[in-house]
């Protein structure tokens, strides 16, 4: 069974155990997918995030999903692109791995990822997709949980990139 799949839609509408939020280090909401998740989940999400006191780049934190179909939100903080000189690939892989570890530790069957760091953080989309797929594939090979990882791809450019990379594997 293929444990990775692509979904071309709105991550806030997916019926999975957890969706991953491409969060900033404050965890207090922002633009892009972060803002969309906070709006869809409702004000309780922001209240719980305030209690967490932020999250360092490359790590992830867990909250409830509130008004989302997903029971949980895993807030992963990816790196800001700095030309590749600031260990961005390692930090991005760590953000994916930390999210997957939370899912495994809570026995979540399904988890959906957005394209972490490719929006306002400026990470090149193809490089980010390679890091994401490689990290997820390695984790799934070594762990029973989660059973399914969905890449929730909202834009056509990323959709094409992910399809090409997954077909090449």
N, C-alpha and C. Protein backbone atom coordinates (compact mmCIF):
# COMPACT_ATOMS: atom_id res chain seq x y z
N UNK A 1 0.85 -1.20 0.00
CA UNK A 1 0.00 0.00 0.00
C UNK A 1 0.88 1.25 0.00
N UNK A 2 0.57 2.12 -0.91
CA UNK A 2 1.30 3.40 -0.94
C UNK A 2 0.84 4.25 0.25
N UNK A 3 1.78 4.68 1.05
CA UNK A 3 1.43 5.42 2.26
C UNK A 3 1.51 6.93 2.07
N UNK A 4 1.94 7.37 0.87
CA UNK A 4 1.98 8.80 0.57
C UNK A 4 1.04 9.08 -0.59
N UNK A 5 0.30 10.18 -0.47
CA UNK A 5 -0.56 10.58 -1.58
C UNK A 5 -0.63 12.10 -1.66
N UNK A 6 -1.11 12.55 -2.81
CA UNK A 6 -1.26 13.99 -3.05
C UNK A 6 -2.74 14.32 -3.05
N UNK A 7 -3.09 15.42 -2.41
CA UNK A 7 -4.46 15.92 -2.44
C UNK A 7 -4.40 17.37 -2.90
N UNK A 8 -5.10 17.66 -3.98
CA UNK A 8 -5.10 19.02 -4.51
C UNK A 8 -6.33 19.74 -3.98
N UNK A 9 -6.20 20.27 -2.76
CA UNK A 9 -7.35 20.94 -2.19
C UNK A 9 -6.98 21.72 -0.94
N UNK A 10 -8.00 22.07 -0.21
CA UNK A 10 -7.88 22.90 0.98
C UNK A 10 -7.57 22.01 2.20
N UNK A 11 -6.40 22.20 2.78
CA UNK A 11 -5.97 21.37 3.91
C UNK A 11 -6.93 21.50 5.10
N UNK A 12 -7.60 22.63 5.23
CA UNK A 12 -8.50 22.84 6.37
C UNK A 12 -9.78 22.00 6.26
N UNK A 13 -10.01 21.38 5.12
CA UNK A 13 -11.22 20.58 4.93
C UNK A 13 -10.95 19.08 4.95
N UNK A 14 -9.70 18.69 5.11
CA UNK A 14 -9.36 17.27 5.06
C UNK A 14 -9.78 16.55 6.35
N UNK A 15 -10.37 15.38 6.17
CA UNK A 15 -10.78 14.56 7.31
C UNK A 15 -9.65 13.57 7.61
N UNK A 16 -8.68 14.05 8.37
CA UNK A 16 -7.51 13.27 8.76
C UNK A 16 -7.35 13.42 10.27
N UNK A 17 -6.48 12.62 10.87
CA UNK A 17 -6.24 12.76 12.30
C UNK A 17 -5.59 14.11 12.62
N UNK A 18 -4.63 14.51 11.77
CA UNK A 18 -3.94 15.77 12.02
C UNK A 18 -3.60 16.46 10.71
N UNK A 19 -3.71 17.78 10.73
CA UNK A 19 -3.14 18.57 9.65
C UNK A 19 -1.95 19.32 10.22
N UNK A 20 -0.97 19.55 9.36
CA UNK A 20 0.22 20.29 9.78
C UNK A 20 0.06 21.73 9.35
N UNK A 21 0.35 22.62 10.27
CA UNK A 21 0.32 24.05 10.00
C UNK A 21 1.75 24.52 9.75
N UNK A 22 1.95 25.21 8.63
CA UNK A 22 3.25 25.84 8.36
C UNK A 22 3.27 27.13 9.19
N UNK A 23 3.70 26.99 10.43
CA UNK A 23 3.59 28.06 11.41
C UNK A 23 4.86 28.92 11.47
N UNK A 24 4.69 30.10 12.06
CA UNK A 24 5.88 30.89 12.40
C UNK A 24 6.25 30.57 13.85
N UNK A 25 7.39 31.03 14.29
CA UNK A 25 7.90 30.62 15.60
C UNK A 25 7.07 31.13 16.79
N UNK A 26 6.20 32.12 16.56
CA UNK A 26 5.34 32.58 17.66
C UNK A 26 4.14 31.66 17.86
N UNK A 27 3.76 30.94 16.80
CA UNK A 27 2.56 30.08 16.75
C UNK A 27 1.26 30.89 16.85
N UNK A 28 1.33 32.19 16.67
CA UNK A 28 0.16 33.04 16.89
C UNK A 28 -0.57 33.41 15.60
N UNK A 29 -0.40 32.62 14.56
CA UNK A 29 -1.10 32.88 13.31
C UNK A 29 -0.29 33.79 12.41
N UNK A 30 -0.68 33.84 11.16
CA UNK A 30 0.03 34.65 10.18
C UNK A 30 -0.73 34.63 8.88
N UNK A 31 0.01 34.65 7.77
CA UNK A 31 -0.62 34.63 6.46
C UNK A 31 -0.67 33.22 5.91
N UNK A 32 -1.06 33.11 4.66
CA UNK A 32 -1.05 31.84 3.95
C UNK A 32 -1.81 30.74 4.66
N UNK A 33 -1.25 29.54 4.66
CA UNK A 33 -1.91 28.37 5.25
C UNK A 33 -2.08 28.55 6.76
N UNK A 34 -1.14 29.23 7.40
CA UNK A 34 -1.22 29.48 8.84
C UNK A 34 -2.50 30.27 9.16
N UNK A 35 -2.71 31.36 8.45
CA UNK A 35 -3.91 32.17 8.67
C UNK A 35 -5.18 31.40 8.36
N UNK A 36 -5.15 30.61 7.27
CA UNK A 36 -6.33 29.83 6.87
C UNK A 36 -6.69 28.81 7.95
N UNK A 37 -5.69 28.15 8.51
CA UNK A 37 -5.95 27.15 9.56
C UNK A 37 -6.50 27.83 10.81
N UNK A 38 -5.91 28.94 11.20
CA UNK A 38 -6.42 29.65 12.38
C UNK A 38 -7.86 30.13 12.18
N UNK A 39 -8.17 30.64 10.98
CA UNK A 39 -9.55 31.09 10.71
C UNK A 39 -10.53 29.92 10.76
N UNK A 40 -10.15 28.79 10.15
CA UNK A 40 -11.05 27.64 10.09
C UNK A 40 -11.23 26.97 11.45
N UNK A 41 -10.17 26.97 12.27
CA UNK A 41 -10.23 26.29 13.58
C UNK A 41 -10.99 27.12 14.60
N UNK A 42 -10.98 28.44 14.45
CA UNK A 42 -11.66 29.31 15.40
C UNK A 42 -10.70 29.86 16.45
N UNK A 43 -11.20 30.80 17.27
CA UNK A 43 -10.36 31.51 18.22
C UNK A 43 -9.74 30.64 19.33
N UNK A 44 -10.32 29.47 19.57
CA UNK A 44 -9.78 28.58 20.60
C UNK A 44 -8.37 28.11 20.24
N UNK A 45 -8.09 27.97 18.94
CA UNK A 45 -6.76 27.54 18.51
C UNK A 45 -5.72 28.57 18.92
N UNK A 46 -6.00 29.82 18.68
CA UNK A 46 -5.06 30.89 19.07
C UNK A 46 -4.86 30.89 20.58
N UNK A 47 -5.93 30.69 21.33
CA UNK A 47 -5.81 30.65 22.79
C UNK A 47 -4.88 29.53 23.25
N UNK A 48 -5.04 28.34 22.65
CA UNK A 48 -4.16 27.23 23.03
C UNK A 48 -2.72 27.51 22.59
N UNK A 49 -2.55 28.08 21.40
CA UNK A 49 -1.19 28.40 20.91
C UNK A 49 -0.49 29.40 21.84
N UNK A 50 -1.24 30.33 22.38
CA UNK A 50 -0.64 31.30 23.32
C UNK A 50 -0.01 30.62 24.52
N UNK A 51 -0.58 29.50 24.94
CA UNK A 51 -0.07 28.76 26.10
C UNK A 51 1.25 28.04 25.81
N UNK A 52 1.55 27.84 24.52
CA UNK A 52 2.73 27.04 24.14
C UNK A 52 4.03 27.84 24.16
N UNK A 53 3.94 29.14 24.16
CA UNK A 53 5.14 29.99 24.24
C UNK A 53 6.10 29.80 23.06
N UNK A 54 5.51 29.65 21.86
CA UNK A 54 6.33 29.59 20.66
C UNK A 54 6.92 28.22 20.38
N UNK A 55 7.71 28.18 19.29
CA UNK A 55 8.32 26.92 18.84
C UNK A 55 9.54 27.27 17.99
N UNK A 56 10.70 26.67 18.27
CA UNK A 56 11.89 26.95 17.47
C UNK A 56 11.79 26.40 16.04
N UNK A 57 12.51 27.00 15.14
CA UNK A 57 12.59 26.50 13.76
C UNK A 57 13.07 25.06 13.75
N UNK A 58 12.40 24.25 12.93
CA UNK A 58 12.77 22.84 12.81
C UNK A 58 12.05 21.93 13.79
N UNK A 59 11.21 22.50 14.64
CA UNK A 59 10.45 21.70 15.61
C UNK A 59 8.96 21.84 15.34
N UNK A 60 8.16 21.11 16.11
CA UNK A 60 6.70 21.13 15.94
C UNK A 60 6.03 21.02 17.30
N UNK A 61 4.81 21.53 17.37
CA UNK A 61 4.00 21.48 18.59
C UNK A 61 2.58 21.03 18.24
N UNK A 62 1.90 20.40 19.18
CA UNK A 62 0.58 19.83 18.97
C UNK A 62 -0.50 20.63 19.69
N UNK A 63 -1.61 20.88 18.97
CA UNK A 63 -2.81 21.46 19.59
C UNK A 63 -4.02 20.68 19.08
N UNK A 64 -5.15 20.94 19.69
CA UNK A 64 -6.41 20.39 19.22
C UNK A 64 -6.79 21.07 17.90
N UNK A 65 -7.71 20.44 17.17
CA UNK A 65 -8.16 20.98 15.89
C UNK A 65 -9.37 21.90 15.99
N UNK A 66 -10.05 21.87 17.12
CA UNK A 66 -11.23 22.70 17.35
C UNK A 66 -12.27 22.55 16.24
N UNK A 67 -12.53 23.58 15.45
CA UNK A 67 -13.62 23.53 14.46
C UNK A 67 -13.21 22.88 13.13
N UNK A 68 -11.99 22.39 13.05
CA UNK A 68 -11.53 21.70 11.84
C UNK A 68 -12.04 20.27 11.81
N UNK A 69 -12.15 19.66 10.64
CA UNK A 69 -12.48 18.22 10.60
C UNK A 69 -11.37 17.38 11.23
N UNK A 70 -10.13 17.86 11.17
CA UNK A 70 -9.01 17.15 11.79
C UNK A 70 -9.07 17.32 13.31
N UNK A 71 -8.78 16.24 14.03
CA UNK A 71 -8.80 16.29 15.49
C UNK A 71 -7.65 17.12 16.05
N UNK A 72 -6.51 17.12 15.34
CA UNK A 72 -5.30 17.76 15.81
C UNK A 72 -4.70 18.70 14.78
N UNK A 73 -3.95 19.68 15.27
CA UNK A 73 -3.11 20.51 14.41
C UNK A 73 -1.69 20.39 14.93
N UNK A 74 -0.77 20.03 14.04
CA UNK A 74 0.64 19.99 14.37
C UNK A 74 1.27 21.23 13.74
N UNK A 75 1.79 22.09 14.58
CA UNK A 75 2.36 23.36 14.12
C UNK A 75 3.86 23.15 13.90
N UNK A 76 4.29 23.15 12.64
CA UNK A 76 5.69 22.94 12.29
C UNK A 76 6.30 24.26 11.82
N UNK A 77 7.46 24.59 12.35
CA UNK A 77 8.13 25.83 11.98
C UNK A 77 9.29 25.52 11.04
N UNK A 78 9.09 25.88 9.79
CA UNK A 78 10.13 25.68 8.79
C UNK A 78 11.05 26.89 8.74
N UNK A 79 12.16 26.75 8.01
CA UNK A 79 13.14 27.84 7.94
C UNK A 79 12.77 28.90 6.90
N UNK A 80 13.26 30.10 7.13
CA UNK A 80 13.22 31.14 6.11
C UNK A 80 14.39 30.87 5.17
N UNK A 81 14.14 30.91 3.86
CA UNK A 81 15.19 30.65 2.87
C UNK A 81 16.22 31.77 2.91
N UNK A 82 17.47 31.37 3.01
CA UNK A 82 18.57 32.33 3.06
C UNK A 82 19.65 31.92 2.06
N UNK A 83 19.21 31.48 0.87
CA UNK A 83 20.15 31.09 -0.16
C UNK A 83 20.79 29.73 0.06
N UNK A 84 20.32 28.98 1.07
CA UNK A 84 20.87 27.66 1.35
C UNK A 84 22.07 27.68 2.27
N UNK A 85 22.43 28.84 2.74
CA UNK A 85 23.64 28.97 3.57
C UNK A 85 23.38 28.73 5.06
N UNK A 86 22.11 28.72 5.46
CA UNK A 86 21.79 28.61 6.89
C UNK A 86 21.25 27.26 7.30
N UNK A 87 21.72 26.19 6.65
CA UNK A 87 21.26 24.83 6.97
C UNK A 87 19.75 24.68 6.82
N UNK A 88 19.20 25.38 5.82
CA UNK A 88 17.75 25.35 5.61
C UNK A 88 17.22 23.94 5.34
N UNK A 89 17.94 23.15 4.54
CA UNK A 89 17.46 21.80 4.22
C UNK A 89 17.36 20.95 5.48
N UNK A 90 18.36 21.05 6.36
CA UNK A 90 18.32 20.29 7.62
C UNK A 90 17.17 20.75 8.50
N UNK A 91 16.95 22.05 8.56
CA UNK A 91 15.86 22.59 9.40
C UNK A 91 14.49 22.20 8.84
N UNK A 92 14.37 22.23 7.50
CA UNK A 92 13.10 21.84 6.89
C UNK A 92 12.83 20.35 7.13
N UNK A 93 13.83 19.51 6.92
CA UNK A 93 13.68 18.07 7.18
C UNK A 93 13.30 17.83 8.64
N UNK A 94 13.91 18.58 9.53
CA UNK A 94 13.62 18.44 10.96
C UNK A 94 12.17 18.82 11.27
N UNK A 95 11.64 19.85 10.61
CA UNK A 95 10.24 20.25 10.83
C UNK A 95 9.30 19.12 10.40
N UNK A 96 9.58 18.49 9.26
CA UNK A 96 8.76 17.35 8.81
C UNK A 96 8.91 16.17 9.77
N UNK A 97 10.15 15.85 10.14
CA UNK A 97 10.40 14.72 11.04
C UNK A 97 9.73 14.93 12.40
N UNK A 98 9.84 16.13 12.95
CA UNK A 98 9.22 16.43 14.25
C UNK A 98 7.71 16.25 14.18
N UNK A 99 7.11 16.67 13.07
CA UNK A 99 5.66 16.50 12.89
C UNK A 99 5.30 15.02 12.84
N UNK A 100 6.08 14.26 12.09
CA UNK A 100 5.83 12.82 11.97
C UNK A 100 6.03 12.09 13.30
N UNK A 101 7.00 12.53 14.09
CA UNK A 101 7.22 11.93 15.41
C UNK A 101 6.03 12.17 16.32
N UNK A 102 5.45 13.36 16.27
CA UNK A 102 4.24 13.65 17.06
C UNK A 102 3.12 12.72 16.62
N UNK A 103 2.94 12.58 15.30
CA UNK A 103 1.89 11.70 14.78
C UNK A 103 2.11 10.25 15.23
N UNK A 104 3.35 9.79 15.15
CA UNK A 104 3.67 8.42 15.57
C UNK A 104 3.41 8.24 17.06
N UNK A 105 3.88 9.18 17.85
CA UNK A 105 3.76 9.06 19.31
C UNK A 105 2.31 9.10 19.78
N UNK A 106 1.42 9.72 18.99
CA UNK A 106 0.00 9.78 19.33
C UNK A 106 -0.82 8.77 18.52
N UNK A 107 -0.12 7.84 17.84
CA UNK A 107 -0.78 6.78 17.07
C UNK A 107 -1.80 7.33 16.07
N UNK A 108 -1.44 8.42 15.41
CA UNK A 108 -2.34 9.00 14.40
C UNK A 108 -2.21 8.19 13.11
N UNK A 109 -3.35 7.87 12.53
CA UNK A 109 -3.34 7.08 11.29
C UNK A 109 -3.03 7.94 10.08
N UNK A 110 -3.51 9.17 10.07
CA UNK A 110 -3.35 10.01 8.87
C UNK A 110 -2.94 11.43 9.25
N UNK A 111 -2.06 11.98 8.43
CA UNK A 111 -1.54 13.32 8.65
C UNK A 111 -1.41 14.00 7.29
N UNK A 112 -1.74 15.28 7.23
CA UNK A 112 -1.64 16.04 5.97
C UNK A 112 -0.69 17.21 6.14
N UNK A 113 0.23 17.34 5.20
CA UNK A 113 1.21 18.42 5.20
C UNK A 113 0.92 19.44 4.11
N UNK A 114 1.11 20.73 4.42
CA UNK A 114 1.15 21.74 3.37
C UNK A 114 2.59 21.81 2.84
N UNK A 115 2.86 22.77 1.99
CA UNK A 115 4.22 22.99 1.49
C UNK A 115 4.95 23.92 2.45
N UNK A 116 5.58 23.36 3.46
CA UNK A 116 6.22 24.15 4.51
C UNK A 116 7.37 24.99 3.94
N UNK A 117 7.38 26.26 4.31
CA UNK A 117 8.43 27.24 4.00
C UNK A 117 8.44 27.75 2.56
N UNK A 118 7.50 27.32 1.71
CA UNK A 118 7.56 27.73 0.30
C UNK A 118 6.78 29.00 -0.01
N UNK A 119 6.05 29.51 0.95
CA UNK A 119 5.29 30.74 0.72
C UNK A 119 6.14 31.95 1.03
N UNK A 120 5.74 32.70 2.02
CA UNK A 120 6.43 33.93 2.39
C UNK A 120 7.88 33.68 2.84
N UNK A 121 8.17 32.45 3.29
CA UNK A 121 9.54 32.13 3.72
C UNK A 121 10.49 31.90 2.55
N UNK A 122 9.94 31.80 1.33
CA UNK A 122 10.75 31.85 0.12
C UNK A 122 11.58 30.63 -0.23
N UNK A 123 11.31 29.49 0.39
CA UNK A 123 12.09 28.29 0.08
C UNK A 123 11.75 27.86 -1.36
N UNK A 124 12.75 27.59 -2.20
CA UNK A 124 12.45 27.16 -3.57
C UNK A 124 11.58 25.91 -3.57
N UNK A 125 10.49 25.95 -4.33
CA UNK A 125 9.47 24.91 -4.26
C UNK A 125 9.99 23.51 -4.58
N UNK A 126 10.78 23.39 -5.63
CA UNK A 126 11.25 22.05 -6.00
C UNK A 126 12.20 21.49 -4.94
N UNK A 127 13.11 22.33 -4.44
CA UNK A 127 14.03 21.87 -3.39
C UNK A 127 13.26 21.47 -2.13
N UNK A 128 12.25 22.26 -1.78
CA UNK A 128 11.44 21.95 -0.59
C UNK A 128 10.68 20.64 -0.77
N UNK A 129 10.16 20.40 -1.96
CA UNK A 129 9.41 19.17 -2.23
C UNK A 129 10.33 17.95 -2.12
N UNK A 130 11.55 18.07 -2.62
CA UNK A 130 12.50 16.95 -2.53
C UNK A 130 12.80 16.64 -1.06
N UNK A 131 13.04 17.67 -0.25
CA UNK A 131 13.30 17.47 1.18
C UNK A 131 12.09 16.81 1.84
N UNK A 132 10.88 17.32 1.54
CA UNK A 132 9.66 16.80 2.16
C UNK A 132 9.46 15.32 1.82
N UNK A 133 9.52 14.98 0.54
CA UNK A 133 9.26 13.61 0.11
C UNK A 133 10.33 12.66 0.64
N UNK A 134 11.57 13.07 0.56
CA UNK A 134 12.68 12.23 1.04
C UNK A 134 12.54 11.96 2.54
N UNK A 135 12.24 13.01 3.30
CA UNK A 135 12.12 12.89 4.76
C UNK A 135 10.94 12.00 5.14
N UNK A 136 9.80 12.23 4.50
CA UNK A 136 8.61 11.43 4.79
C UNK A 136 8.83 9.97 4.41
N UNK A 137 9.39 9.74 3.23
CA UNK A 137 9.61 8.36 2.78
C UNK A 137 10.51 7.60 3.75
N UNK A 138 11.59 8.24 4.18
CA UNK A 138 12.53 7.60 5.13
C UNK A 138 11.82 7.29 6.45
N UNK A 139 11.04 8.25 6.95
CA UNK A 139 10.34 8.06 8.21
C UNK A 139 9.34 6.90 8.11
N UNK A 140 8.58 6.86 7.02
CA UNK A 140 7.58 5.81 6.86
C UNK A 140 8.24 4.43 6.73
N UNK A 141 9.42 4.38 6.15
CA UNK A 141 10.13 3.10 6.02
C UNK A 141 10.56 2.56 7.38
N UNK A 142 10.73 3.45 8.34
CA UNK A 142 11.24 3.05 9.66
C UNK A 142 10.16 3.00 10.74
N UNK A 143 8.93 3.44 10.43
CA UNK A 143 7.88 3.55 11.44
C UNK A 143 6.53 3.05 10.91
N UNK A 144 5.76 2.47 11.83
CA UNK A 144 4.44 1.95 11.50
C UNK A 144 3.39 3.08 11.42
N UNK A 145 3.57 4.10 12.23
CA UNK A 145 2.64 5.23 12.29
C UNK A 145 3.32 6.48 11.76
N UNK A 146 2.67 7.38 11.11
CA UNK A 146 1.29 7.28 10.65
C UNK A 146 1.16 6.31 9.48
N UNK A 147 -0.07 5.83 9.29
CA UNK A 147 -0.33 4.90 8.20
C UNK A 147 -0.37 5.60 6.85
N UNK A 148 -0.81 6.86 6.85
CA UNK A 148 -0.93 7.60 5.59
C UNK A 148 -0.48 9.04 5.77
N UNK A 149 0.31 9.51 4.80
CA UNK A 149 0.75 10.91 4.75
C UNK A 149 0.22 11.52 3.46
N UNK A 150 -0.49 12.60 3.62
CA UNK A 150 -1.06 13.31 2.48
C UNK A 150 -0.33 14.64 2.31
N UNK A 151 0.10 14.91 1.10
CA UNK A 151 0.64 16.23 0.78
C UNK A 151 -0.52 17.04 0.21
N UNK A 152 -0.99 18.01 0.98
CA UNK A 152 -2.11 18.84 0.57
C UNK A 152 -1.56 20.02 -0.23
N UNK A 153 -1.68 19.92 -1.54
CA UNK A 153 -1.07 20.88 -2.45
C UNK A 153 -2.15 21.81 -2.99
N UNK A 154 -2.00 23.09 -2.72
CA UNK A 154 -3.03 24.05 -3.07
C UNK A 154 -2.82 24.66 -4.45
N UNK A 155 -1.56 24.84 -4.87
CA UNK A 155 -1.29 25.55 -6.12
C UNK A 155 -0.79 24.60 -7.21
N UNK A 156 -1.03 24.97 -8.45
CA UNK A 156 -0.71 24.12 -9.60
C UNK A 156 0.79 23.86 -9.73
N UNK A 157 1.63 24.87 -9.47
CA UNK A 157 3.08 24.69 -9.60
C UNK A 157 3.59 23.59 -8.67
N UNK A 158 3.20 23.67 -7.39
CA UNK A 158 3.62 22.63 -6.45
C UNK A 158 3.02 21.27 -6.79
N UNK A 159 1.80 21.26 -7.27
CA UNK A 159 1.14 20.01 -7.64
C UNK A 159 1.96 19.29 -8.73
N UNK A 160 2.38 20.02 -9.74
CA UNK A 160 3.19 19.46 -10.81
C UNK A 160 4.52 18.95 -10.27
N UNK A 161 5.17 19.74 -9.43
CA UNK A 161 6.47 19.36 -8.85
C UNK A 161 6.34 18.06 -8.05
N UNK A 162 5.35 17.99 -7.16
CA UNK A 162 5.18 16.81 -6.32
C UNK A 162 4.88 15.56 -7.15
N UNK A 163 4.03 15.71 -8.15
CA UNK A 163 3.69 14.56 -9.00
C UNK A 163 4.94 14.05 -9.72
N UNK A 164 5.74 14.96 -10.26
CA UNK A 164 6.96 14.56 -10.98
C UNK A 164 7.95 13.86 -10.05
N UNK A 165 8.14 14.41 -8.85
CA UNK A 165 9.09 13.80 -7.91
C UNK A 165 8.61 12.44 -7.45
N UNK A 166 7.33 12.33 -7.10
CA UNK A 166 6.80 11.04 -6.63
C UNK A 166 6.85 9.98 -7.74
N UNK A 167 6.61 10.38 -8.99
CA UNK A 167 6.69 9.42 -10.09
C UNK A 167 8.12 8.96 -10.32
N UNK A 168 9.09 9.83 -10.01
CA UNK A 168 10.50 9.51 -10.20
C UNK A 168 11.06 8.58 -9.15
N UNK A 169 10.34 8.41 -8.05
CA UNK A 169 10.84 7.55 -6.98
C UNK A 169 10.52 6.10 -7.23
